[in-house]
């Protein structure tokens, strides 16, 4: 059996075809809603893209995938573990926004009101 050098055009073409196959499986609507199964079938089998997509379509959707797909579509960024959401891509600004929301909820729960400047 002839050994292929990793830098030959033949190897590059094979790698490109396999990457395209994996990408088309994982990034398909069916693959996005069944992420774990899509990754397993794409990476650990030599099934064709059409065969994998047919198999995935017959599987139940992941429970959290619809929610995550909606969040991805709306570009919502979740920060921390409090469930606060932010549309800001700056981590510091997102954290400050999260803290402001937490303090507002805390103050409201304790019955504190906002003081207005009386200058």
PDB file of N, CA and C in Angstrom:
ATOM      1  N   UNK A   1       0.845  -1.174   0.000  1.00  0.00           N
ATOM      2  CA  UNK A   1       0.000   0.000   0.000  1.00  0.00           C
ATOM      3  C   UNK A   1       0.892   1.240   0.000  1.00  0.00           C
ATOM      4  N   UNK A   2       0.630   2.163  -0.915  1.00  0.00           N
ATOM      5  CA  UNK A   2       1.440   3.378  -1.023  1.00  0.00           C
ATOM      6  C   UNK A   2       1.087   4.347   0.090  1.00  0.00           C
ATOM      7  N   UNK A   3       2.117   4.951   0.646  1.00  0.00           N
ATOM      8  CA  UNK A   3       1.908   5.914   1.721  1.00  0.00           C
ATOM      9  C   UNK A   3       1.790   7.312   1.114  1.00  0.00           C
ATOM     10  N   UNK A   4       0.735   8.030   1.491  1.00  0.00           N
ATOM     11  CA  UNK A   4       0.525   9.379   0.985  1.00  0.00           C
ATOM     12  C   UNK A   4       1.172  10.396   1.907  1.00  0.00           C
ATOM     13  N   UNK A   5       1.846  11.351   1.322  1.00  0.00           N
ATOM     14  CA  UNK A   5       2.421  12.439   2.096  1.00  0.00           C
ATOM     15  C   UNK A   5       1.304  13.409   2.455  1.00  0.00           C
ATOM     16  N   UNK A   6       1.305  13.957   3.671  1.00  0.00           N
ATOM     17  CA  UNK A   6       0.212  14.838   4.081  1.00  0.00           C
ATOM     18  C   UNK A   6       0.114  16.127   3.270  1.00  0.00           C
ATOM     19  N   UNK A   7       1.165  16.499   2.548  1.00  0.00           N
ATOM     20  CA  UNK A   7       1.160  17.765   1.828  1.00  0.00           C
ATOM     21  C   UNK A   7       0.911  17.611   0.325  1.00  0.00           C
ATOM     22  N   UNK A   8       0.362  16.507  -0.096  1.00  0.00           N
ATOM     23  CA  UNK A   8       0.109  16.318  -1.521  1.00  0.00           C
ATOM     24  C   UNK A   8      -1.287  16.823  -1.881  1.00  0.00           C
ATOM     25  N   UNK A   9      -1.494  17.168  -3.142  1.00  0.00           N
ATOM     26  CA  UNK A   9      -2.825  17.619  -3.575  1.00  0.00           C
ATOM     27  C   UNK A   9      -3.904  16.556  -3.361  1.00  0.00           C
ATOM     28  N   UNK A  10      -3.547  15.277  -3.501  1.00  0.00           N
ATOM     29  CA  UNK A  10      -4.535  14.211  -3.307  1.00  0.00           C
ATOM     30  C   UNK A  10      -5.039  14.185  -1.869  1.00  0.00           C
ATOM     31  N   UNK A  11      -4.132  14.311  -0.914  1.00  0.00           N
ATOM     32  CA  UNK A  11      -4.515  14.313   0.500  1.00  0.00           C
ATOM     33  C   UNK A  11      -5.328  15.562   0.814  1.00  0.00           C
ATOM     34  N   UNK A  12      -4.919  16.707   0.287  1.00  0.00           N
ATOM     35  CA  UNK A  12      -5.661  17.948   0.510  1.00  0.00           C
ATOM     36  C   UNK A  12      -7.087  17.840  -0.015  1.00  0.00           C
ATOM     37  N   UNK A  13      -7.248  17.211  -1.165  1.00  0.00           N
ATOM     38  CA  UNK A  13      -8.583  17.045  -1.741  1.00  0.00           C
ATOM     39  C   UNK A  13      -9.444  16.128  -0.879  1.00  0.00           C
ATOM     40  N   UNK A  14      -8.864  15.054  -0.381  1.00  0.00           N
ATOM     41  CA  UNK A  14      -9.591  14.117   0.481  1.00  0.00           C
ATOM     42  C   UNK A  14     -10.016  14.813   1.776  1.00  0.00           C
ATOM     43  N   UNK A  15      -9.105  15.573   2.360  1.00  0.00           N
ATOM     44  CA  UNK A  15      -9.405  16.300   3.599  1.00  0.00           C
ATOM     45  C   UNK A  15     -10.519  17.306   3.364  1.00  0.00           C
ATOM     46  N   UNK A  16     -10.469  18.017   2.246  1.00  0.00           N
ATOM     47  CA  UNK A  16     -11.498  19.016   1.936  1.00  0.00           C
ATOM     48  C   UNK A  16     -12.869  18.367   1.768  1.00  0.00           C
ATOM     49  N   UNK A  17     -12.929  17.229   1.112  1.00  0.00           N
ATOM     50  CA  UNK A  17     -14.198  16.524   0.923  1.00  0.00           C
ATOM     51  C   UNK A  17     -14.752  16.057   2.268  1.00  0.00           C
ATOM     52  N   UNK A  18     -13.897  15.517   3.127  1.00  0.00           N
ATOM     53  CA  UNK A  18     -14.353  15.032   4.432  1.00  0.00           C
ATOM     54  C   UNK A  18     -14.810  16.187   5.321  1.00  0.00           C
ATOM     55  N   UNK A  19     -14.097  17.299   5.283  1.00  0.00           N
ATOM     56  CA  UNK A  19     -14.514  18.475   6.058  1.00  0.00           C
ATOM     57  C   UNK A  19     -15.860  19.000   5.577  1.00  0.00           C
ATOM     58  N   UNK A  20     -16.064  19.012   4.283  1.00  0.00           N
ATOM     59  CA  UNK A  20     -17.342  19.468   3.728  1.00  0.00           C
ATOM     60  C   UNK A  20     -18.468  18.535   4.166  1.00  0.00           C
ATOM     61  N   UNK A  21     -18.208  17.221   4.180  1.00  0.00           N
ATOM     62  CA  UNK A  21     -19.209  16.240   4.626  1.00  0.00           C
ATOM     63  C   UNK A  21     -19.588  16.480   6.081  1.00  0.00           C
ATOM     64  N   UNK A  22     -18.587  16.629   6.944  1.00  0.00           N
ATOM     65  CA  UNK A  22     -18.841  16.847   8.370  1.00  0.00           C
ATOM     66  C   UNK A  22     -19.593  18.152   8.585  1.00  0.00           C
ATOM     67  N   UNK A  23     -19.157  19.194   7.920  1.00  0.00           N
ATOM     68  CA  UNK A  23     -19.801  20.501   8.057  1.00  0.00           C
ATOM     69  C   UNK A  23     -21.252  20.468   7.600  1.00  0.00           C
ATOM     70  N   UNK A  24     -21.518  19.801   6.474  1.00  0.00           N
ATOM     71  CA  UNK A  24     -22.895  19.761   5.984  1.00  0.00           C
ATOM     72  C   UNK A  24     -23.802  18.956   6.905  1.00  0.00           C
ATOM     73  N   UNK A  25     -23.275  17.987   7.607  1.00  0.00           N
ATOM     74  CA  UNK A  25     -24.081  17.206   8.562  1.00  0.00           C
ATOM     75  C   UNK A  25     -24.344  18.029   9.824  1.00  0.00           C
ATOM     76  N   UNK A  26     -23.285  18.542  10.421  1.00  0.00           N
ATOM     77  CA  UNK A  26     -23.400  19.236  11.705  1.00  0.00           C
ATOM     78  C   UNK A  26     -24.157  20.562  11.571  1.00  0.00           C
ATOM     79  N   UNK A  27     -23.993  21.256  10.455  1.00  0.00           N
ATOM     80  CA  UNK A  27     -24.619  22.568  10.277  1.00  0.00           C
ATOM     81  C   UNK A  27     -25.989  22.520   9.619  1.00  0.00           C
ATOM     82  N   UNK A  28     -26.480  21.328   9.293  1.00  0.00           N
ATOM     83  CA  UNK A  28     -27.827  21.214   8.733  1.00  0.00           C
ATOM     84  C   UNK A  28     -28.853  21.458   9.836  1.00  0.00           C
ATOM     85  N   UNK A  29     -30.083  21.792   9.457  1.00  0.00           N
ATOM     86  CA  UNK A  29     -31.144  21.997  10.453  1.00  0.00           C
ATOM     87  C   UNK A  29     -31.352  20.729  11.284  1.00  0.00           C
ATOM     88  N   UNK A  30     -31.314  19.581  10.629  1.00  0.00           N
ATOM     89  CA  UNK A  30     -31.490  18.302  11.333  1.00  0.00           C
ATOM     90  C   UNK A  30     -30.322  18.065  12.283  1.00  0.00           C
ATOM     91  N   UNK A  31     -29.107  18.381  11.844  1.00  0.00           N
ATOM     92  CA  UNK A  31     -27.921  18.193  12.676  1.00  0.00           C
ATOM     93  C   UNK A  31     -27.889  19.131  13.869  1.00  0.00           C
ATOM     94  N   UNK A  32     -28.343  20.372  13.664  1.00  0.00           N
ATOM     95  CA  UNK A  32     -28.356  21.341  14.767  1.00  0.00           C
ATOM     96  C   UNK A  32     -29.345  20.940  15.849  1.00  0.00           C
ATOM     97  N   UNK A  33     -30.427  20.298  15.477  1.00  0.00           N
ATOM     98  CA  UNK A  33     -31.427  19.914  16.473  1.00  0.00           C
ATOM     99  C   UNK A  33     -31.140  18.551  17.107  1.00  0.00           C
ATOM    100  N   UNK A  34     -30.101  17.888  16.636  1.00  0.00           N
ATOM    101  CA  UNK A  34     -29.678  16.596  17.199  1.00  0.00           C
ATOM    102  C   UNK A  34     -28.145  16.588  17.251  1.00  0.00           C
ATOM    103  N   UNK A  35     -27.579  17.566  17.929  1.00  0.00           N
ATOM    104  CA  UNK A  35     -26.150  17.865  17.892  1.00  0.00           C
ATOM    105  C   UNK A  35     -25.269  16.664  18.245  1.00  0.00           C
ATOM    106  N   UNK A  36     -25.539  15.972  19.340  1.00  0.00           N
ATOM    107  CA  UNK A  36     -24.680  14.854  19.766  1.00  0.00           C
ATOM    108  C   UNK A  36     -24.677  13.723  18.745  1.00  0.00           C
ATOM    109  N   UNK A  37     -25.850  13.345  18.282  1.00  0.00           N
ATOM    110  CA  UNK A  37     -25.944  12.266  17.300  1.00  0.00           C
ATOM    111  C   UNK A  37     -25.286  12.685  15.985  1.00  0.00           C
ATOM    112  N   UNK A  38     -25.470  13.934  15.585  1.00  0.00           N
ATOM    113  CA  UNK A  38     -24.864  14.420  14.340  1.00  0.00           C
ATOM    114  C   UNK A  38     -23.341  14.340  14.413  1.00  0.00           C
ATOM    115  N   UNK A  39     -22.787  14.755  15.537  1.00  0.00           N
ATOM    116  CA  UNK A  39     -21.330  14.688  15.691  1.00  0.00           C
ATOM    117  C   UNK A  39     -20.832  13.247  15.666  1.00  0.00           C
ATOM    118  N   UNK A  40     -21.519  12.366  16.372  1.00  0.00           N
ATOM    119  CA  UNK A  40     -21.113  10.956  16.389  1.00  0.00           C
ATOM    120  C   UNK A  40     -21.135  10.355  14.986  1.00  0.00           C
ATOM    121  N   UNK A  41     -22.232  10.575  14.271  1.00  0.00           N
ATOM    122  CA  UNK A  41     -22.358   9.989  12.936  1.00  0.00           C
ATOM    123  C   UNK A  41     -21.404  10.640  11.936  1.00  0.00           C
ATOM    124  N   UNK A  42     -21.170  11.928  12.067  1.00  0.00           N
ATOM    125  CA  UNK A  42     -20.278  12.619  11.132  1.00  0.00           C
ATOM    126  C   UNK A  42     -18.820  12.223  11.342  1.00  0.00           C
ATOM    127  N   UNK A  43     -18.423  12.099  12.602  1.00  0.00           N
ATOM    128  CA  UNK A  43     -17.016  11.857  12.900  1.00  0.00           C
ATOM    129  C   UNK A  43     -16.624  10.385  12.977  1.00  0.00           C
ATOM    130  N   UNK A  44     -17.579   9.505  13.296  1.00  0.00           N
ATOM    131  CA  UNK A  44     -17.214   8.109  13.562  1.00  0.00           C
ATOM    132  C   UNK A  44     -17.776   7.105  12.571  1.00  0.00           C
ATOM    133  N   UNK A  45     -18.303   7.578  11.442  1.00  0.00           N
ATOM    134  CA  UNK A  45     -18.791   6.660  10.405  1.00  0.00           C
ATOM    135  C   UNK A  45     -18.342   7.160   9.043  1.00  0.00           C
ATOM    136  N   UNK A  46     -18.441   6.293   8.018  1.00  0.00           N
ATOM    137  CA  UNK A  46     -18.192   6.759   6.649  1.00  0.00           C
ATOM    138  C   UNK A  46     -19.492   6.797   5.858  1.00  0.00           C
ATOM    139  N   UNK A  47     -20.604   6.946   6.551  1.00  0.00           N
ATOM    140  CA  UNK A  47     -21.896   7.053   5.873  1.00  0.00           C
ATOM    141  C   UNK A  47     -21.941   8.344   5.063  1.00  0.00           C
ATOM    142  N   UNK A  48     -22.688   8.298   3.960  1.00  0.00           N
ATOM    143  CA  UNK A  48     -22.810   9.503   3.148  1.00  0.00           C
ATOM    144  C   UNK A  48     -23.619  10.558   3.894  1.00  0.00           C
ATOM    145  N   UNK A  49     -23.493  11.794   3.451  1.00  0.00           N
ATOM    146  CA  UNK A  49     -24.225  12.899   4.069  1.00  0.00           C
ATOM    147  C   UNK A  49     -25.723  12.644   4.035  1.00  0.00           C
ATOM    148  N   UNK A  50     -26.226  12.218   2.890  1.00  0.00           N
ATOM    149  CA  UNK A  50     -27.669  11.967   2.759  1.00  0.00           C
ATOM    150  C   UNK A  50     -28.143  10.866   3.707  1.00  0.00           C
ATOM    151  N   UNK A  51     -27.347   9.815   3.857  1.00  0.00           N
ATOM    152  CA  UNK A  51     -27.715   8.720   4.760  1.00  0.00           C
ATOM    153  C   UNK A  51     -27.761   9.201   6.202  1.00  0.00           C
ATOM    154  N   UNK A  52     -26.757   9.965   6.602  1.00  0.00           N
ATOM    155  CA  UNK A  52     -26.713  10.488   7.970  1.00  0.00           C
ATOM    156  C   UNK A  52     -27.899  11.418   8.223  1.00  0.00           C
ATOM    157  N   UNK A  53     -28.196  12.305   7.279  1.00  0.00           N
ATOM    158  CA  UNK A  53     -29.316  13.235   7.455  1.00  0.00           C
ATOM    159  C   UNK A  53     -30.650  12.487   7.539  1.00  0.00           C
ATOM    160  N   UNK A  54     -30.793  11.416   6.761  1.00  0.00           N
ATOM    161  CA  UNK A  54     -32.008  10.595   6.854  1.00  0.00           C
ATOM    162  C   UNK A  54     -32.123   9.945   8.227  1.00  0.00           C
ATOM    163  N   UNK A  55     -31.012   9.411   8.739  1.00  0.00           N
ATOM    164  CA  UNK A  55     -31.022   8.792  10.073  1.00  0.00           C
ATOM    165  C   UNK A  55     -31.357   9.826  11.151  1.00  0.00           C
ATOM    166  N   UNK A  56     -30.733  10.989  11.063  1.00  0.00           N
ATOM    167  CA  UNK A  56     -30.977  12.030  12.057  1.00  0.00           C
ATOM    168  C   UNK A  56     -32.431  12.491  12.046  1.00  0.00           C
ATOM    169  N   UNK A  57     -33.014  12.571  10.874  1.00  0.00           N
ATOM    170  CA  UNK A  57     -34.409  13.018  10.761  1.00  0.00           C
ATOM    171  C   UNK A  57     -35.368  12.067  11.465  1.00  0.00           C
ATOM    172  N   UNK A  58     -34.973  10.806  11.582  1.00  0.00           N
ATOM    173  CA  UNK A  58     -35.826   9.813  12.237  1.00  0.00           C
ATOM    174  C   UNK A  58     -35.626   9.773  13.752  1.00  0.00           C
ATOM    175  N   UNK A  59     -34.624  10.482  14.254  1.00  0.00           N
ATOM    176  CA  UNK A  59     -34.341  10.510  15.691  1.00  0.00           C
ATOM    177  C   UNK A  59     -35.104  11.657  16.345  1.00  0.00           C
ATOM    178  N   UNK A  60     -35.431  11.517  17.637  1.00  0.00           N
ATOM    179  CA  UNK A  60     -36.069  12.640  18.336  1.00  0.00           C
ATOM    180  C   UNK A  60     -35.077  13.786  18.508  1.00  0.00           C
ATOM    181  N   UNK A  61     -35.601  14.999  18.526  1.00  0.00           N
ATOM    182  CA  UNK A  61     -34.751  16.171  18.707  1.00  0.00           C
ATOM    183  C   UNK A  61     -34.232  16.229  20.133  1.00  0.00           C
ATOM    184  N   UNK A  62     -33.048  16.856  20.295  1.00  0.00           N
ATOM    185  CA  UNK A  62     -32.508  17.107  21.628  1.00  0.00           C
ATOM    186  C   UNK A  62     -33.450  18.053  22.354  1.00  0.00           C
ATOM    187  N   UNK A  63     -33.628  17.861  23.635  1.00  0.00           N
ATOM    188  CA  UNK A  63     -34.562  18.679  24.408  1.00  0.00           C
ATOM    189  C   UNK A  63     -34.190  20.155  24.403  1.00  0.00           C
ATOM    190  N   UNK A  64     -32.921  20.460  24.535  1.00  0.00           N
ATOM    191  CA  UNK A  64     -32.512  21.856  24.650  1.00  0.00           C
ATOM    192  C   UNK A  64     -32.201  22.498  23.307  1.00  0.00           C
ATOM    193  N   UNK A  65     -32.199  21.723  22.231  1.00  0.00           N
ATOM    194  CA  UNK A  65     -31.737  22.269  20.959  1.00  0.00           C
ATOM    195  C   UNK A  65     -32.634  23.370  20.406  1.00  0.00           C
ATOM    196  N   UNK A  66     -33.947  23.254  20.556  1.00  0.00           N
ATOM    197  CA  UNK A  66     -34.837  24.298  20.046  1.00  0.00           C
ATOM    198  C   UNK A  66     -34.580  25.622  20.755  1.00  0.00           C
ATOM    199  N   UNK A  67     -34.396  25.548  22.053  1.00  0.00           N
ATOM    200  CA  UNK A  67     -34.113  26.749  22.834  1.00  0.00           C
ATOM    201  C   UNK A  67     -32.784  27.365  22.397  1.00  0.00           C
ATOM    202  N   UNK A  68     -31.739  26.540  22.286  1.00  0.00           N
ATOM    203  CA  UNK A  68     -30.426  27.044  21.914  1.00  0.00           C
ATOM    204  C   UNK A  68     -30.416  27.591  20.494  1.00  0.00           C
ATOM    205  N   UNK A  69     -31.142  26.950  19.588  1.00  0.00           N
ATOM    206  CA  UNK A  69     -31.222  27.446  18.223  1.00  0.00           C
ATOM    207  C   UNK A  69     -31.912  28.808  18.186  1.00  0.00           C
ATOM    208  N   UNK A  70     -32.954  28.980  18.999  1.00  0.00           N
ATOM    209  CA  UNK A  70     -33.637  30.268  19.055  1.00  0.00           C
ATOM    210  C   UNK A  70     -32.713  31.341  19.615  1.00  0.00           C
ATOM    211  N   UNK A  71     -31.944  31.006  20.631  1.00  0.00           N
ATOM    212  CA  UNK A  71     -31.020  31.967  21.202  1.00  0.00           C
ATOM    213  C   UNK A  71     -29.911  32.324  20.210  1.00  0.00           C
ATOM    214  N   UNK A  72     -29.446  31.338  19.470  1.00  0.00           N
ATOM    215  CA  UNK A  72     -28.425  31.585  18.464  1.00  0.00           C
ATOM    216  C   UNK A  72     -28.972  32.490  17.355  1.00  0.00           C
ATOM    217  N   UNK A  73     -30.204  32.229  16.943  1.00  0.00           N
ATOM    218  CA  UNK A  73     -30.853  33.030  15.893  1.00  0.00           C
ATOM    219  C   UNK A  73     -31.029  34.478  16.339  1.00  0.00           C
ATOM    220  N   UNK A  74     -31.342  34.678  17.623  1.00  0.00           N
ATOM    221  CA  UNK A  74     -31.556  36.021  18.158  1.00  0.00           C
ATOM    222  C   UNK A  74     -30.269  36.666  18.653  1.00  0.00           C
ATOM    223  N   UNK A  75     -29.152  35.929  18.597  1.00  0.00           N
ATOM    224  CA  UNK A  75     -27.834  36.412  19.026  1.00  0.00           C
ATOM    225  C   UNK A  75     -27.833  36.847  20.486  1.00  0.00           C
ATOM    226  N   UNK A  76     -28.490  36.074  21.342  1.00  0.00           N
ATOM    227  CA  UNK A  76     -28.507  36.376  22.762  1.00  0.00           C
ATOM    228  C   UNK A  76     -27.309  35.692  23.411  1.00  0.00           C
ATOM    229  N   UNK A  77     -26.596  36.448  24.242  1.00  0.00           N
ATOM    230  CA  UNK A  77     -25.426  35.944  24.934  1.00  0.00           C
ATOM    231  C   UNK A  77     -25.768  35.780  26.409  1.00  0.00           C
ATOM    232  N   UNK A  78     -25.730  34.557  26.926  1.00  0.00           N
ATOM    233  CA  UNK A  78     -26.013  34.329  28.336  1.00  0.00           C
ATOM    234  C   UNK A  78     -24.744  34.503  29.127  1.00  0.00           C
ATOM    235  N   UNK A  79     -24.851  35.225  30.246  1.00  0.00           N
ATOM    236  CA  UNK A  79     -23.677  35.460  31.088  1.00  0.00           C
ATOM    237  C   UNK A  79     -23.951  34.963  32.487  1.00  0.00           C
ATOM    238  N   UNK A  80     -22.924  34.434  33.118  1.00  0.00           N
ATOM    239  CA  UNK A  80     -23.045  33.976  34.505  1.00  0.00           C
ATOM    240  C   UNK A  80     -24.018  32.821  34.634  1.00  0.00           C
ATOM    241  N   UNK A  81     -24.421  32.526  35.871  1.00  0.00           N
ATOM    242  CA  UNK A  81     -25.363  31.439  36.109  1.00  0.00           C
ATOM    243  C   UNK A  81     -26.680  31.949  36.657  1.00  0.00           C
ATOM    244  N   UNK A  82     -26.931  33.241  36.494  1.00  0.00           N
ATOM    245  CA  UNK A  82     -28.169  33.802  37.029  1.00  0.00           C
ATOM    246  C   UNK A  82     -29.279  33.824  36.000  1.00  0.00           C
ATOM    247  N   UNK A  83     -28.954  33.478  34.760  1.00  0.00           N
ATOM    248  CA  UNK A  83     -29.967  33.486  33.723  1.00  0.00           C
ATOM    249  C   UNK A  83     -30.138  34.841  33.078  1.00  0.00           C
ATOM    250  N   UNK A  84     -29.295  35.805  33.417  1.00  0.00           N
ATOM    251  CA  UNK A  84     -29.400  37.124  32.803  1.00  0.00           C
ATOM    252  C   UNK A  84     -28.879  37.051  31.377  1.00  0.00           C
ATOM    253  N   UNK A  85     -29.567  37.700  30.472  1.00  0.00           N
ATOM    254  CA  UNK A  85     -29.164  37.681  29.072  1.00  0.00           C
ATOM    255  C   UNK A  85     -28.711  39.070  28.659  1.00  0.00           C
ATOM    256  N   UNK A  86     -27.795  39.105  27.728  1.00  0.00           N
ATOM    257  CA  UNK A  86     -27.289  40.371  27.252  1.00  0.00           C
ATOM    258  C   UNK A  86     -27.067  40.310  25.753  1.00  0.00           C
ATOM    259  N   UNK A  87     -27.314  41.410  25.074  1.00  0.00           N
ATOM    260  CA  UNK A  87     -27.036  41.481  23.647  1.00  0.00           C
ATOM    261  C   UNK A  87     -25.638  42.038  23.418  1.00  0.00           C
ATOM    262  N   UNK A  88     -24.883  42.319  24.476  1.00  0.00           N
ATOM    263  CA  UNK A  88     -23.589  42.957  24.390  1.00  0.00           C
ATOM    264  C   UNK A  88     -22.494  41.910  24.256  1.00  0.00           C
ATOM    265  N   UNK A  89     -21.553  42.115  23.331  1.00  0.00           N
ATOM    266  CA  UNK A  89     -20.463  41.156  23.160  1.00  0.00           C
ATOM    267  C   UNK A  89     -19.265  41.503  24.036  1.00  0.00           C
ATOM    268  N   UNK A  90     -19.272  42.665  24.700  1.00  0.00           N
ATOM    269  CA  UNK A  90     -18.198  43.058  25.607  1.00  0.00           C
ATOM    270  C   UNK A  90     -18.431  42.390  26.960  1.00  0.00           C
ATOM    271  N   UNK A  91     -17.530  41.493  27.397  1.00  0.00           N
ATOM    272  CA  UNK A  91     -17.749  40.754  28.650  1.00  0.00           C
ATOM    273  C   UNK A  91     -17.896  41.653  29.873  1.00  0.00           C
ATOM    274  N   UNK A  92     -17.101  42.719  29.941  1.00  0.00           N
ATOM    275  CA  UNK A  92     -17.171  43.614  31.098  1.00  0.00           C
ATOM    276  C   UNK A  92     -18.519  44.339  31.142  1.00  0.00           C
ATOM    277  N   UNK A  93     -18.952  44.838  30.002  1.00  0.00           N
ATOM    278  CA  UNK A  93     -20.239  45.535  29.943  1.00  0.00           C
ATOM    279  C   UNK A  93     -21.395  44.563  30.224  1.00  0.00           C
ATOM    280  N   UNK A  94     -21.288  43.340  29.720  1.00  0.00           N
ATOM    281  CA  UNK A  94     -22.320  42.350  29.975  1.00  0.00           C
ATOM    282  C   UNK A  94     -22.399  42.012  31.462  1.00  0.00           C
ATOM    283  N   UNK A  95     -21.238  41.892  32.114  1.00  0.00           N
ATOM    284  CA  UNK A  95     -21.207  41.596  33.555  1.00  0.00           C
ATOM    285  C   UNK A  95     -21.793  42.751  34.351  1.00  0.00           C
ATOM    286  N   UNK A  96     -21.460  43.997  33.983  1.00  0.00           N
ATOM    287  CA  UNK A  96     -22.030  45.157  34.673  1.00  0.00           C
ATOM    288  C   UNK A  96     -23.550  45.193  34.515  1.00  0.00           C
ATOM    289  N   UNK A  97     -24.017  44.866  33.319  1.00  0.00           N
ATOM    290  CA  UNK A  97     -25.460  44.821  33.083  1.00  0.00           C
ATOM    291  C   UNK A  97     -26.126  43.742  33.946  1.00  0.00           C
ATOM    292  N   UNK A  98     -25.448  42.604  34.056  1.00  0.00           N
ATOM    293  CA  UNK A  98     -25.960  41.517  34.894  1.00  0.00           C
ATOM    294  C   UNK A  98     -26.039  41.939  36.355  1.00  0.00           C
ATOM    295  N   UNK A  99     -24.988  42.608  36.846  1.00  0.00           N
ATOM    296  CA  UNK A  99     -24.971  43.073  38.235  1.00  0.00           C
ATOM    297  C   UNK A  99     -26.053  44.115  38.491  1.00  0.00           C
ATOM    298  N   UNK A 100     -26.253  45.026  37.555  1.00  0.00           N
ATOM    299  CA  UNK A 100     -27.306  46.030  37.709  1.00  0.00           C
ATOM    300  C   UNK A 100     -28.673  45.355  37.823  1.00  0.00           C
ATOM    301  N   UNK A 101     -28.909  44.350  36.984  1.00  0.00           N
ATOM    302  CA  UNK A 101     -30.178  43.624  37.041  1.00  0.00           C
ATOM    303  C   UNK A 101     -30.354  42.895  38.361  1.00  0.00           C
ATOM    304  N   UNK A 102     -29.269  42.281  38.853  1.00  0.00           N
ATOM    305  CA  UNK A 102     -29.328  41.571  40.136  1.00  0.00           C
ATOM    306  C   UNK A 102     -29.613  42.526  41.283  1.00  0.00           C
ATOM    307  N   UNK A 103     -28.940  43.677  41.292  1.00  0.00           N
ATOM    308  CA  UNK A 103     -29.154  44.657  42.352  1.00  0.00           C
ATOM    309  C   UNK A 103     -30.566  45.242  42.290  1.00  0.00           C
ATOM    310  N   UNK A 104     -31.062  45.465  41.093  1.00  0.00           N
ATOM    311  CA  UNK A 104     -32.419  45.987  40.939  1.00  0.00           C
ATOM    312  C   UNK A 104     -33.425  44.987  41.514  1.00  0.00           C
ATOM    313  N   UNK A 105     -33.233  43.696  41.197  1.00  0.00           N
ATOM    314  CA  UNK A 105     -34.131  42.663  41.725  1.00  0.00           C
ATOM    315  C   UNK A 105     -34.016  42.554  43.242  1.00  0.00           C
ATOM    316  N   UNK A 106     -32.796  42.625  43.769  1.00  0.00           N
ATOM    317  CA  UNK A 106     -32.575  42.557  45.209  1.00  0.00           C
ATOM    318  C   UNK A 106     -33.266  43.736  45.910  1.00  0.00           C
ATOM    319  N   UNK A 107     -33.029  44.948  45.391  1.00  0.00           N
ATOM    320  CA  UNK A 107     -33.634  46.143  45.991  1.00  0.00           C
ATOM    321  C   UNK A 107     -35.157  46.080  45.933  1.00  0.00           C
ATOM    322  N   UNK A 108     -35.696  45.608  44.831  1.00  0.00           N
ATOM    323  CA  UNK A 108     -37.144  45.488  44.705  1.00  0.00           C
ATOM    324  C   UNK A 108     -37.699  44.480  45.718  1.00  0.00           C
ATOM    325  N   UNK A 109     -36.994  43.344  45.877  1.00  0.00           N
ATOM    326  CA  UNK A 109     -37.431  42.312  46.819  1.00  0.00           C
ATOM    327  C   UNK A 109     -37.401  42.817  48.262  1.00  0.00           C
ATOM    328  N   UNK A 110     -36.441  43.689  48.583  1.00  0.00           N
ATOM    329  CA  UNK A 110     -36.317  44.239  49.931  1.00  0.00           C
ATOM    330  C   UNK A 110     -37.219  45.454  50.153  1.00  0.00           C
ATOM    331  N   UNK A 111     -37.860  45.937  49.096  1.00  0.00           N
ATOM    332  CA  UNK A 111     -38.759  47.074  49.224  1.00  0.00           C
ATOM    333  C   UNK A 111     -38.079  48.417  49.139  1.00  0.00           C
ATOM    334  N   UNK A 112     -36.820  48.422  48.711  1.00  0.00           N
ATOM    335  CA  UNK A 112     -36.110  49.693  48.569  1.00  0.00           C
ATOM    336  C   UNK A 112     -36.570  50.396  47.295  1.00  0.00           C
ATOM    337  N   UNK A 113     -36.623  51.715  47.343  1.00  0.00           N
ATOM    338  CA  UNK A 113     -37.016  52.496  46.173  1.00  0.00           C
ATOM    339  C   UNK A 113     -35.827  53.297  45.672  1.00  0.00           C
ATOM    340  N   UNK A 114     -35.928  53.724  44.450  1.00  0.00           N
ATOM    341  CA  UNK A 114     -34.866  54.498  43.831  1.00  0.00           C
ATOM    342  C   UNK A 114     -34.963  55.935  44.301  1.00  0.00           C
ATOM    343  N   UNK A 115     -33.847  56.504  44.789  1.00  0.00           N
ATOM    344  CA  UNK A 115     -33.812  57.884  45.208  1.00  0.00           C
ATOM    345  C   UNK A 115     -33.488  58.752  44.006  1.00  0.00           C
ATOM    346  N   UNK A 116     -34.244  59.830  43.843  1.00  0.00           N
ATOM    347  CA  UNK A 116     -33.982  60.771  42.776  1.00  0.00           C
ATOM    348  C   UNK A 116     -33.124  61.889  43.304  1.00  0.00           C
ATOM    349  N   UNK A 117     -32.200  62.388  42.481  1.00  0.00           N
ATOM    350  CA  UNK A 117     -31.357  63.514  42.891  1.00  0.00           C
ATOM    351  C   UNK A 117     -32.221  64.756  43.014  1.00  0.00           C
ATOM    352  N   UNK A 118     -32.130  65.410  44.144  1.00  0.00           N
ATOM    353  CA  UNK A 118     -32.907  66.620  44.387  1.00  0.00           C
ATOM    354  C   UNK A 118     -31.961  67.792  44.511  1.00  0.00           C
ATOM    355  N   UNK A 119     -31.309  68.151  43.416  1.00  0.00           N
ATOM    356  CA  UNK A 119     -30.360  69.270  43.441  1.00  0.00           C
ATOM    357  C   UNK A 119     -31.019  70.572  43.200  1.00  0.00           C
TER     358      UNK A 119
END
